[in-house]
Amino acid sequence: KQLKNKSNTWIKKSSNVLGSRTAMELRGISCIGLETTSAKR
């Protein structure tokens, strides 16, 4: 809850792209899609 409710300014300043995505996803905004096709190794 505390991460979800942190301000966008603080998140952008203090986190990387992954951290920002996590916060957005906790707010119900989808940033990480389903990978239904597996890439060739």
PDB file of all heavy atoms in Angstrom:
ATOM      1  N   LYS A   1       0.830  -1.207   0.000  1.00  0.00           N
ATOM      2  CA  LYS A   1       0.000   0.000   0.000  1.00  0.00           C
ATOM      3  C   LYS A   1       0.863   1.256   0.000  1.00  0.00           C
ATOM      4  O   LYS A   1       0.579   2.219  -0.735  1.00  0.00           O
ATOM      5  CB  LYS A   1      -0.924  -0.004   1.221  1.00  0.00           C
ATOM      6  CG  LYS A   1      -1.714   1.296   1.398  1.00  0.00           C
ATOM      7  CD  LYS A   1      -2.385   1.361   2.775  1.00  0.00           C
ATOM      8  CE  LYS A   1      -2.965   2.758   3.032  1.00  0.00           C
ATOM      9  NZ  LYS A   1      -3.536   2.868   4.395  1.00  0.00           N
ATOM     10  N   GLN A   2       1.906   1.283   0.794  1.00  0.00           N
ATOM     11  CA  GLN A   2       2.766   2.452   0.893  1.00  0.00           C
ATOM     12  C   GLN A   2       3.476   2.740  -0.425  1.00  0.00           C
ATOM     13  O   GLN A   2       3.646   3.892  -0.815  1.00  0.00           O
ATOM     14  CB  GLN A   2       3.773   2.267   2.034  1.00  0.00           C
ATOM     15  CG  GLN A   2       3.129   2.291   3.421  1.00  0.00           C
ATOM     16  CD  GLN A   2       4.103   1.903   4.519  1.00  0.00           C
ATOM     17  OE1 GLN A   2       4.975   1.052   4.327  1.00  0.00           O
ATOM     18  NE2 GLN A   2       3.961   2.522   5.693  1.00  0.00           N
ATOM     19  N   LEU A   3       3.890   1.692  -1.144  1.00  0.00           N
ATOM     20  CA  LEU A   3       4.515   1.885  -2.450  1.00  0.00           C
ATOM     21  C   LEU A   3       3.494   2.385  -3.459  1.00  0.00           C
ATOM     22  O   LEU A   3       3.783   3.279  -4.256  1.00  0.00           O
ATOM     23  CB  LEU A   3       5.143   0.579  -2.937  1.00  0.00           C
ATOM     24  CG  LEU A   3       5.795   0.626  -4.329  1.00  0.00           C
ATOM     25  CD1 LEU A   3       6.916   1.668  -4.377  1.00  0.00           C
ATOM     26  CD2 LEU A   3       6.325  -0.747  -4.732  1.00  0.00           C
ATOM     27  N   LYS A   4       2.315   1.811  -3.446  1.00  0.00           N
ATOM     28  CA  LYS A   4       1.248   2.216  -4.371  1.00  0.00           C
ATOM     29  C   LYS A   4       0.917   3.696  -4.224  1.00  0.00           C
ATOM     30  O   LYS A   4       0.688   4.398  -5.225  1.00  0.00           O
ATOM     31  CB  LYS A   4      -0.001   1.366  -4.104  1.00  0.00           C
ATOM     32  CG  LYS A   4      -1.274   1.865  -4.777  1.00  0.00           C
ATOM     33  CD  LYS A   4      -2.456   0.998  -4.382  1.00  0.00           C
ATOM     34  CE  LYS A   4      -3.783   1.571  -4.902  1.00  0.00           C
ATOM     35  NZ  LYS A   4      -4.217   2.752  -4.194  1.00  0.00           N
ATOM     36  N   ASN A   5       0.896   4.180  -3.008  1.00  0.00           N
ATOM     37  CA  ASN A   5       0.454   5.546  -2.751  1.00  0.00           C
ATOM     38  C   ASN A   5       1.589   6.577  -2.744  1.00  0.00           C
ATOM     39  O   ASN A   5       1.343   7.762  -2.479  1.00  0.00           O
ATOM     40  CB  ASN A   5      -0.307   5.605  -1.418  1.00  0.00           C
ATOM     41  CG  ASN A   5      -1.626   4.836  -1.478  1.00  0.00           C
ATOM     42  OD1 ASN A   5      -2.222   4.686  -2.542  1.00  0.00           O
ATOM     43  ND2 ASN A   5      -2.084   4.340  -0.332  1.00  0.00           N
ATOM     44  N   LYS A   6       2.822   6.135  -3.030  1.00  0.00           N
ATOM     45  CA  LYS A   6       3.920   7.083  -3.152  1.00  0.00           C
ATOM     46  C   LYS A   6       3.703   7.973  -4.373  1.00  0.00           C
ATOM     47  O   LYS A   6       3.162   7.542  -5.383  1.00  0.00           O
ATOM     48  CB  LYS A   6       5.264   6.348  -3.280  1.00  0.00           C
ATOM     49  CG  LYS A   6       5.950   6.061  -1.976  1.00  0.00           C
ATOM     50  CD  LYS A   6       6.497   7.313  -1.299  1.00  0.00           C
ATOM     51  CE  LYS A   6       7.284   7.030  -0.069  1.00  0.00           C
ATOM     52  NZ  LYS A   6       7.823   8.252   0.590  1.00  0.00           N
ATOM     53  N   SER A   7       4.149   9.210  -4.282  1.00  0.00           N
ATOM     54  CA  SER A   7       3.947  10.158  -5.384  1.00  0.00           C
ATOM     55  C   SER A   7       4.745   9.752  -6.615  1.00  0.00           C
ATOM     56  O   SER A   7       5.818   9.147  -6.512  1.00  0.00           O
ATOM     57  CB  SER A   7       4.356  11.568  -4.954  1.00  0.00           C
ATOM     58  OG  SER A   7       5.771  11.645  -4.758  1.00  0.00           O
ATOM     59  N   ASN A   8       4.214  10.115  -7.782  1.00  0.00           N
ATOM     60  CA  ASN A   8       4.913   9.822  -9.028  1.00  0.00           C
ATOM     61  C   ASN A   8       6.292  10.482  -9.075  1.00  0.00           C
ATOM     62  O   ASN A   8       7.244   9.916  -9.620  1.00  0.00           O
ATOM     63  CB  ASN A   8       4.075  10.282 -10.221  1.00  0.00           C
ATOM     64  CG  ASN A   8       2.859   9.397 -10.446  1.00  0.00           C
ATOM     65  OD1 ASN A   8       2.884   8.213 -10.139  1.00  0.00           O
ATOM     66  ND2 ASN A   8       1.794   9.971 -11.003  1.00  0.00           N
ATOM     67  N   THR A   9       6.382  11.678  -8.511  1.00  0.00           N
ATOM     68  CA  THR A   9       7.653  12.411  -8.498  1.00  0.00           C
ATOM     69  C   THR A   9       8.731  11.621  -7.766  1.00  0.00           C
ATOM     70  O   THR A   9       9.857  11.477  -8.248  1.00  0.00           O
ATOM     71  CB  THR A   9       7.472  13.782  -7.832  1.00  0.00           C
ATOM     72  OG1 THR A   9       6.417  14.500  -8.473  1.00  0.00           O
ATOM     73  CG2 THR A   9       8.773  14.577  -7.898  1.00  0.00           C
ATOM     74  N   TRP A  10       8.374  11.099  -6.577  1.00  0.00           N
ATOM     75  CA  TRP A  10       9.343  10.340  -5.788  1.00  0.00           C
ATOM     76  C   TRP A  10       9.722   9.042  -6.504  1.00  0.00           C
ATOM     77  O   TRP A  10      10.904   8.679  -6.534  1.00  0.00           O
ATOM     78  CB  TRP A  10       8.763  10.017  -4.407  1.00  0.00           C
ATOM     79  CG  TRP A  10       9.755   9.324  -3.501  1.00  0.00           C
ATOM     80  CD1 TRP A  10      10.640   9.920  -2.646  1.00  0.00           C
ATOM     81  CD2 TRP A  10       9.983   7.912  -3.403  1.00  0.00           C
ATOM     82  NE1 TRP A  10      11.396   8.959  -2.015  1.00  0.00           N
ATOM     83  CE2 TRP A  10      11.016   7.720  -2.456  1.00  0.00           C
ATOM     84  CE3 TRP A  10       9.414   6.790  -4.014  1.00  0.00           C
ATOM     85  CZ2 TRP A  10      11.481   6.458  -2.109  1.00  0.00           C
ATOM     86  CZ3 TRP A  10       9.894   5.536  -3.666  1.00  0.00           C
ATOM     87  CH2 TRP A  10      10.907   5.371  -2.727  1.00  0.00           C
ATOM     88  N   ILE A  11       8.742   8.371  -7.082  1.00  0.00           N
ATOM     89  CA  ILE A  11       8.988   7.091  -7.758  1.00  0.00           C
ATOM     90  C   ILE A  11       9.923   7.286  -8.950  1.00  0.00           C
ATOM     91  O   ILE A  11      10.877   6.536  -9.141  1.00  0.00           O
ATOM     92  CB  ILE A  11       7.659   6.447  -8.194  1.00  0.00           C
ATOM     93  CG1 ILE A  11       6.885   5.963  -6.958  1.00  0.00           C
ATOM     94  CG2 ILE A  11       7.918   5.271  -9.137  1.00  0.00           C
ATOM     95  CD1 ILE A  11       5.483   5.507  -7.240  1.00  0.00           C
ATOM     96  N   LYS A  12       9.662   8.295  -9.778  1.00  0.00           N
ATOM     97  CA  LYS A  12      10.495   8.563 -10.947  1.00  0.00           C
ATOM     98  C   LYS A  12      11.916   8.953 -10.549  1.00  0.00           C
ATOM     99  O   LYS A  12      12.882   8.595 -11.214  1.00  0.00           O
ATOM    100  CB  LYS A  12       9.873   9.657 -11.803  1.00  0.00           C
ATOM    101  CG  LYS A  12       8.609   9.221 -12.536  1.00  0.00           C
ATOM    102  CD  LYS A  12       8.021  10.356 -13.358  1.00  0.00           C
ATOM    103  CE  LYS A  12       6.744   9.888 -14.076  1.00  0.00           C
ATOM    104  NZ  LYS A  12       6.143  11.002 -14.870  1.00  0.00           N
ATOM    105  N   LYS A  13      12.034   9.672  -9.439  1.00  0.00           N
ATOM    106  CA  LYS A  13      13.331  10.140  -8.973  1.00  0.00           C
ATOM    107  C   LYS A  13      14.140   9.033  -8.314  1.00  0.00           C
ATOM    108  O   LYS A  13      15.368   8.972  -8.444  1.00  0.00           O
ATOM    109  CB  LYS A  13      13.136  11.299  -7.988  1.00  0.00           C
ATOM    110  CG  LYS A  13      14.434  11.939  -7.514  1.00  0.00           C
ATOM    111  CD  LYS A  13      14.138  13.091  -6.561  1.00  0.00           C
ATOM    112  CE  LYS A  13      15.435  13.717  -6.031  1.00  0.00           C
ATOM    113  NZ  LYS A  13      15.158  14.835  -5.095  1.00  0.00           N
ATOM    114  N   SER A  14      13.451   8.141  -7.604  1.00  0.00           N
ATOM    115  CA  SER A  14      14.146   7.174  -6.759  1.00  0.00           C
ATOM    116  C   SER A  14      14.199   5.754  -7.321  1.00  0.00           C
ATOM    117  O   SER A  14      14.958   4.928  -6.825  1.00  0.00           O
ATOM    118  CB  SER A  14      13.485   7.118  -5.374  1.00  0.00           C
ATOM    119  OG  SER A  14      13.422   8.408  -4.795  1.00  0.00           O
ATOM    120  N   SER A  15      13.378   5.454  -8.341  1.00  0.00           N
ATOM    121  CA  SER A  15      13.296   4.083  -8.844  1.00  0.00           C
ATOM    122  C   SER A  15      13.731   3.998 -10.298  1.00  0.00           C
ATOM    123  O   SER A  15      13.754   4.994 -11.022  1.00  0.00           O
ATOM    124  CB  SER A  15      11.870   3.534  -8.709  1.00  0.00           C
ATOM    125  OG  SER A  15      11.417   3.562  -7.381  1.00  0.00           O
ATOM    126  N   ASN A  16      14.074   2.774 -10.703  1.00  0.00           N
ATOM    127  CA  ASN A  16      14.343   2.507 -12.118  1.00  0.00           C
ATOM    128  C   ASN A  16      13.024   2.225 -12.835  1.00  0.00           C
ATOM    129  O   ASN A  16      11.948   2.376 -12.264  1.00  0.00           O
ATOM    130  CB  ASN A  16      15.324   1.343 -12.265  1.00  0.00           C
ATOM    131  CG  ASN A  16      14.838   0.083 -11.536  1.00  0.00           C
ATOM    132  OD1 ASN A  16      13.656  -0.059 -11.200  1.00  0.00           O
ATOM    133  ND2 ASN A  16      15.773  -0.839 -11.291  1.00  0.00           N
ATOM    134  N   VAL A  17      13.125   1.814 -14.089  1.00  0.00           N
ATOM    135  CA  VAL A  17      11.925   1.556 -14.892  1.00  0.00           C
ATOM    136  C   VAL A  17      11.072   0.456 -14.275  1.00  0.00           C
ATOM    137  O   VAL A  17       9.840   0.560 -14.209  1.00  0.00           O
ATOM    138  CB  VAL A  17      12.314   1.181 -16.338  1.00  0.00           C
ATOM    139  CG1 VAL A  17      11.077   0.789 -17.144  1.00  0.00           C
ATOM    140  CG2 VAL A  17      13.038   2.330 -17.010  1.00  0.00           C
ATOM    141  N   LEU A  18      11.736  -0.602 -13.784  1.00  0.00           N
ATOM    142  CA  LEU A  18      11.010  -1.717 -13.179  1.00  0.00           C
ATOM    143  C   LEU A  18      10.254  -1.273 -11.938  1.00  0.00           C
ATOM    144  O   LEU A  18       9.096  -1.658 -11.731  1.00  0.00           O
ATOM    145  CB  LEU A  18      11.977  -2.847 -12.831  1.00  0.00           C
ATOM    146  CG  LEU A  18      11.357  -4.125 -12.224  1.00  0.00           C
ATOM    147  CD1 LEU A  18      10.338  -4.735 -13.183  1.00  0.00           C
ATOM    148  CD2 LEU A  18      12.442  -5.144 -11.880  1.00  0.00           C
ATOM    149  N   GLY A  19      10.893  -0.461 -11.087  1.00  0.00           N
ATOM    150  CA  GLY A  19      10.229   0.041  -9.890  1.00  0.00           C
ATOM    151  C   GLY A  19       9.022   0.891 -10.217  1.00  0.00           C
ATOM    152  O   GLY A  19       7.985   0.810  -9.546  1.00  0.00           O
ATOM    153  N   SER A  20       9.125   1.718 -11.253  1.00  0.00           N
ATOM    154  CA  SER A  20       8.002   2.553 -11.679  1.00  0.00           C
ATOM    155  C   SER A  20       6.852   1.697 -12.189  1.00  0.00           C
ATOM    156  O   SER A  20       5.682   1.965 -11.900  1.00  0.00           O
ATOM    157  CB  SER A  20       8.461   3.526 -12.772  1.00  0.00           C
ATOM    158  OG  SER A  20       9.470   4.389 -12.303  1.00  0.00           O
ATOM    159  N   ARG A  21       7.185   0.652 -12.959  1.00  0.00           N
ATOM    160  CA  ARG A  21       6.154  -0.258 -13.467  1.00  0.00           C
ATOM    161  C   ARG A  21       5.438  -0.958 -12.322  1.00  0.00           C
ATOM    162  O   ARG A  21       4.206  -1.111 -12.364  1.00  0.00           O
ATOM    163  CB  ARG A  21       6.782  -1.294 -14.400  1.00  0.00           C
ATOM    164  CG  ARG A  21       7.175  -0.777 -15.772  1.00  0.00           C
ATOM    165  CD  ARG A  21       7.782  -1.902 -16.584  1.00  0.00           C
ATOM    166  NE  ARG A  21       8.187  -1.463 -17.911  1.00  0.00           N
ATOM    167  CZ  ARG A  21       8.826  -2.236 -18.780  1.00  0.00           C
ATOM    168  NH1 ARG A  21       9.129  -3.485 -18.457  1.00  0.00           N
ATOM    169  NH2 ARG A  21       9.164  -1.757 -19.965  1.00  0.00           N
ATOM    170  N   THR A  22       6.199  -1.383 -11.320  1.00  0.00           N
ATOM    171  CA  THR A  22       5.599  -2.067 -10.178  1.00  0.00           C
ATOM    172  C   THR A  22       4.586  -1.174  -9.476  1.00  0.00           C
ATOM    173  O   THR A  22       3.473  -1.607  -9.152  1.00  0.00           O
ATOM    174  CB  THR A  22       6.687  -2.516  -9.181  1.00  0.00           C
ATOM    175  OG1 THR A  22       7.600  -3.397  -9.835  1.00  0.00           O
ATOM    176  CG2 THR A  22       6.077  -3.224  -7.982  1.00  0.00           C
ATOM    177  N   ALA A  23       4.961   0.078  -9.250  1.00  0.00           N
ATOM    178  CA  ALA A  23       4.060   1.026  -8.596  1.00  0.00           C
ATOM    179  C   ALA A  23       2.800   1.255  -9.431  1.00  0.00           C
ATOM    180  O   ALA A  23       1.684   1.297  -8.889  1.00  0.00           O
ATOM    181  CB  ALA A  23       4.778   2.351  -8.349  1.00  0.00           C
ATOM    182  N   MET A  24       2.959   1.411 -10.749  1.00  0.00           N
ATOM    183  CA  MET A  24       1.814   1.615 -11.635  1.00  0.00           C
ATOM    184  C   MET A  24       0.892   0.400 -11.626  1.00  0.00           C
ATOM    185  O   MET A  24      -0.330   0.530 -11.604  1.00  0.00           O
ATOM    186  CB  MET A  24       2.299   1.901 -13.064  1.00  0.00           C
ATOM    187  CG  MET A  24       3.106   3.185 -13.224  1.00  0.00           C
ATOM    188  SD  MET A  24       2.127   4.673 -12.924  1.00  0.00           S
ATOM    189  CE  MET A  24       1.217   4.760 -14.462  1.00  0.00           C
ATOM    190  N   GLU A  25       1.487  -0.780 -11.639  1.00  0.00           N
ATOM    191  CA  GLU A  25       0.690  -2.012 -11.638  1.00  0.00           C
ATOM    192  C   GLU A  25      -0.095  -2.160 -10.339  1.00  0.00           C
ATOM    193  O   GLU A  25      -1.219  -2.664 -10.334  1.00  0.00           O
ATOM    194  CB  GLU A  25       1.598  -3.213 -11.857  1.00  0.00           C
ATOM    195  CG  GLU A  25       2.179  -3.332 -13.258  1.00  0.00           C
ATOM    196  CD  GLU A  25       1.678  -4.560 -13.982  1.00  0.00           C
ATOM    197  OE1 GLU A  25       1.454  -5.605 -13.344  1.00  0.00           O
ATOM    198  OE2 GLU A  25       1.495  -4.494 -15.154  1.00  0.00           O
ATOM    199  N   LEU A  26       0.484  -1.736  -9.216  1.00  0.00           N
ATOM    200  CA  LEU A  26      -0.220  -1.779  -7.932  1.00  0.00           C
ATOM    201  C   LEU A  26      -1.427  -0.845  -7.923  1.00  0.00           C
ATOM    202  O   LEU A  26      -2.375  -1.044  -7.161  1.00  0.00           O
ATOM    203  CB  LEU A  26       0.730  -1.418  -6.787  1.00  0.00           C
ATOM    204  CG  LEU A  26       1.785  -2.482  -6.422  1.00  0.00           C
ATOM    205  CD1 LEU A  26       2.755  -1.929  -5.382  1.00  0.00           C
ATOM    206  CD2 LEU A  26       1.139  -3.760  -5.897  1.00  0.00           C
ATOM    207  N   ARG A  27      -1.393   0.166  -8.796  1.00  0.00           N
ATOM    208  CA  ARG A  27      -2.520   1.102  -8.920  1.00  0.00           C
ATOM    209  C   ARG A  27      -3.575   0.603  -9.911  1.00  0.00           C
ATOM    210  O   ARG A  27      -4.566   1.310 -10.171  1.00  0.00           O
ATOM    211  CB  ARG A  27      -2.011   2.469  -9.347  1.00  0.00           C
ATOM    212  CG  ARG A  27      -1.107   3.142  -8.320  1.00  0.00           C
ATOM    213  CD  ARG A  27      -0.408   4.350  -8.905  1.00  0.00           C
ATOM    214  NE  ARG A  27       0.578   4.902  -7.972  1.00  0.00           N
ATOM    215  CZ  ARG A  27       1.460   5.833  -8.286  1.00  0.00           C
ATOM    216  NH1 ARG A  27       1.503   6.299  -9.525  1.00  0.00           N
ATOM    217  NH2 ARG A  27       2.317   6.271  -7.377  1.00  0.00           N
ATOM    218  N   GLY A  28      -3.337  -0.566 -10.485  1.00  0.00           N
ATOM    219  CA  GLY A  28      -4.302  -1.129 -11.419  1.00  0.00           C
ATOM    220  C   GLY A  28      -4.076  -0.739 -12.864  1.00  0.00           C
ATOM    221  O   GLY A  28      -4.927  -0.988 -13.721  1.00  0.00           O
ATOM    222  N   ILE A  29      -2.922  -0.134 -13.153  1.00  0.00           N
ATOM    223  CA  ILE A  29      -2.580   0.267 -14.523  1.00  0.00           C
ATOM    224  C   ILE A  29      -1.626  -0.778 -15.103  1.00  0.00           C
ATOM    225  O   ILE A  29      -0.484  -0.911 -14.659  1.00  0.00           O
ATOM    226  CB  ILE A  29      -1.931   1.668 -14.554  1.00  0.00           C
ATOM    227  CG1 ILE A  29      -2.870   2.696 -13.916  1.00  0.00           C
ATOM    228  CG2 ILE A  29      -1.582   2.072 -15.980  1.00  0.00           C
ATOM    229  CD1 ILE A  29      -2.222   4.034 -13.660  1.00  0.00           C
ATOM    230  N   SER A  30      -2.079  -1.517 -16.098  1.00  0.00           N
ATOM    231  CA  SER A  30      -1.300  -2.615 -16.649  1.00  0.00           C
ATOM    232  C   SER A  30      -0.104  -2.107 -17.458  1.00  0.00           C
ATOM    233  O   SER A  30      -0.262  -1.349 -18.410  1.00  0.00           O
ATOM    234  CB  SER A  30      -2.180  -3.500 -17.529  1.00  0.00           C
ATOM    235  OG  SER A  30      -1.452  -4.607 -18.022  1.00  0.00           O
ATOM    236  N   CYS A  31       1.084  -2.512 -17.053  1.00  0.00           N
ATOM    237  CA  CYS A  31       2.327  -2.140 -17.738  1.00  0.00           C
ATOM    238  C   CYS A  31       3.097  -3.352 -18.250  1.00  0.00           C
ATOM    239  O   CYS A  31       4.018  -3.214 -19.053  1.00  0.00           O
ATOM    240  CB  CYS A  31       3.235  -1.335 -16.813  1.00  0.00           C
ATOM    241  SG  CYS A  31       2.522   0.166 -16.132  1.00  0.00           S
ATOM    242  N   ILE A  32       2.740  -4.525 -17.774  1.00  0.00           N
ATOM    243  CA  ILE A  32       3.454  -5.752 -18.122  1.00  0.00           C
ATOM    244  C   ILE A  32       2.465  -6.708 -18.781  1.00  0.00           C
ATOM    245  O   ILE A  32       1.573  -7.252 -18.126  1.00  0.00           O
ATOM    246  CB  ILE A  32       4.086  -6.412 -16.882  1.00  0.00           C
ATOM    247  CG1 ILE A  32       4.911  -5.383 -16.087  1.00  0.00           C
ATOM    248  CG2 ILE A  32       4.956  -7.586 -17.287  1.00  0.00           C
ATOM    249  CD1 ILE A  32       5.380  -5.893 -14.739  1.00  0.00           C
ATOM    250  N   GLY A  33       2.599  -6.898 -20.091  1.00  0.00           N
ATOM    251  CA  GLY A  33       1.663  -7.735 -20.830  1.00  0.00           C
ATOM    252  C   GLY A  33       1.961  -9.215 -20.687  1.00  0.00           C
ATOM    253  O   GLY A  33       3.025  -9.621 -20.221  1.00  0.00           O
ATOM    254  N   LEU A  34       1.007 -10.036 -21.119  1.00  0.00           N
ATOM    255  CA  LEU A  34       1.188 -11.479 -21.113  1.00  0.00           C
ATOM    256  C   LEU A  34       2.092 -11.889 -22.265  1.00  0.00           C
ATOM    257  O   LEU A  34       1.920 -11.435 -23.397  1.00  0.00           O
ATOM    258  CB  LEU A  34      -0.157 -12.198 -21.240  1.00  0.00           C
ATOM    259  CG  LEU A  34      -1.112 -12.174 -20.047  1.00  0.00           C
ATOM    260  CD1 LEU A  34      -2.357 -12.977 -20.357  1.00  0.00           C
ATOM    261  CD2 LEU A  34      -0.446 -12.711 -18.802  1.00  0.00           C
ATOM    262  N   GLU A  35       3.049 -12.758 -21.988  1.00  0.00           N
ATOM    263  CA  GLU A  35       3.940 -13.288 -23.012  1.00  0.00           C
ATOM    264  C   GLU A  35       3.485 -14.707 -23.342  1.00  0.00           C
ATOM    265  O   GLU A  35       3.978 -15.686 -22.794  1.00  0.00           O
ATOM    266  CB  GLU A  35       5.382 -13.267 -22.529  1.00  0.00           C
ATOM    267  CG  GLU A  35       5.907 -11.866 -22.220  1.00  0.00           C
ATOM    268  CD  GLU A  35       7.320 -11.857 -21.677  1.00  0.00           C
ATOM    269  OE1 GLU A  35       7.969 -12.924 -21.717  1.00  0.00           O
ATOM    270  OE2 GLU A  35       7.779 -10.804 -21.196  1.00  0.00           O
ATOM    271  N   THR A  36       2.524 -14.787 -24.252  1.00  0.00           N
ATOM    272  CA  THR A  36       1.912 -16.078 -24.567  1.00  0.00           C
ATOM    273  C   THR A  36       2.696 -16.899 -25.574  1.00  0.00           C
ATOM    274  O   THR A  36       2.464 -18.088 -25.726  1.00  0.00           O
ATOM    275  CB  THR A  36       0.479 -15.873 -25.097  1.00  0.00           C
ATOM    276  OG1 THR A  36       0.512 -14.987 -26.239  1.00  0.00           O
ATOM    277  CG2 THR A  36      -0.406 -15.253 -24.024  1.00  0.00           C
ATOM    278  N   THR A  37       3.644 -16.285 -26.256  1.00  0.00           N
ATOM    279  CA  THR A  37       4.498 -17.017 -27.190  1.00  0.00           C
ATOM    280  C   THR A  37       5.932 -16.977 -26.677  1.00  0.00           C
ATOM    281  O   THR A  37       6.478 -15.918 -26.418  1.00  0.00           O
ATOM    282  CB  THR A  37       4.434 -16.411 -28.604  1.00  0.00           C
ATOM    283  OG1 THR A  37       4.752 -15.016 -28.560  1.00  0.00           O
ATOM    284  CG2 THR A  37       3.026 -16.557 -29.189  1.00  0.00           C
ATOM    285  N   SER A  38       6.506 -18.139 -26.519  1.00  0.00           N
ATOM    286  CA  SER A  38       7.868 -18.224 -26.004  1.00  0.00           C
ATOM    287  C   SER A  38       8.874 -18.014 -27.130  1.00  0.00           C
ATOM    288  O   SER A  38       8.756 -18.599 -28.208  1.00  0.00           O
ATOM    289  CB  SER A  38       8.105 -19.583 -25.346  1.00  0.00           C
ATOM    290  OG  SER A  38       7.832 -20.631 -26.240  1.00  0.00           O
ATOM    291  N   ALA A  39       9.850 -17.154 -26.884  1.00  0.00           N
ATOM    292  CA  ALA A  39      10.884 -16.879 -27.874  1.00  0.00           C
ATOM    293  C   ALA A  39      11.828 -18.075 -27.998  1.00  0.00           C
ATOM    294  O   ALA A  39      12.051 -18.808 -27.036  1.00  0.00           O
ATOM    295  CB  ALA A  39      11.667 -15.635 -27.463  1.00  0.00           C
ATOM    296  N   LYS A  40      12.339 -18.258 -29.215  1.00  0.00           N
ATOM    297  CA  LYS A  40      13.309 -19.325 -29.434  1.00  0.00           C
ATOM    298  C   LYS A  40      14.552 -19.081 -28.588  1.00  0.00           C
ATOM    299  O   LYS A  40      15.082 -17.972 -28.550  1.00  0.00           O
ATOM    300  CB  LYS A  40      13.684 -19.395 -30.916  1.00  0.00           C
ATOM    301  CG  LYS A  40      12.584 -19.987 -31.814  1.00  0.00           C
ATOM    302  CD  LYS A  40      12.493 -21.483 -31.683  1.00  0.00           C
ATOM    303  CE  LYS A  40      11.500 -22.084 -32.671  1.00  0.00           C
ATOM    304  NZ  LYS A  40      11.367 -23.561 -32.519  1.00  0.00           N
ATOM    305  N   ARG A  41      14.989 -20.127 -27.914  1.00  0.00           N
ATOM    306  CA  ARG A  41      16.170 -19.975 -27.064  1.00  0.00           C
ATOM    307  C   ARG A  41      17.416 -19.747 -27.921  1.00  0.00           C
ATOM    308  O   ARG A  41      17.512 -20.215 -29.072  1.00  0.00           O
ATOM    309  CB  ARG A  41      16.333 -21.195 -26.175  1.00  0.00           C
ATOM    310  CG  ARG A  41      16.676 -22.474 -26.880  1.00  0.00           C
ATOM    311  CD  ARG A  41      17.238 -23.471 -25.909  1.00  0.00           C
ATOM    312  NE  ARG A  41      16.216 -24.251 -25.239  1.00  0.00           N
ATOM    313  CZ  ARG A  41      16.397 -24.825 -24.042  1.00  0.00           C
ATOM    314  NH1 ARG A  41      17.541 -24.678 -23.416  1.00  0.00           N
ATOM    315  NH2 ARG A  41      15.450 -25.575 -23.501  1.00  0.00           N
TER     316      ARG A  41
END
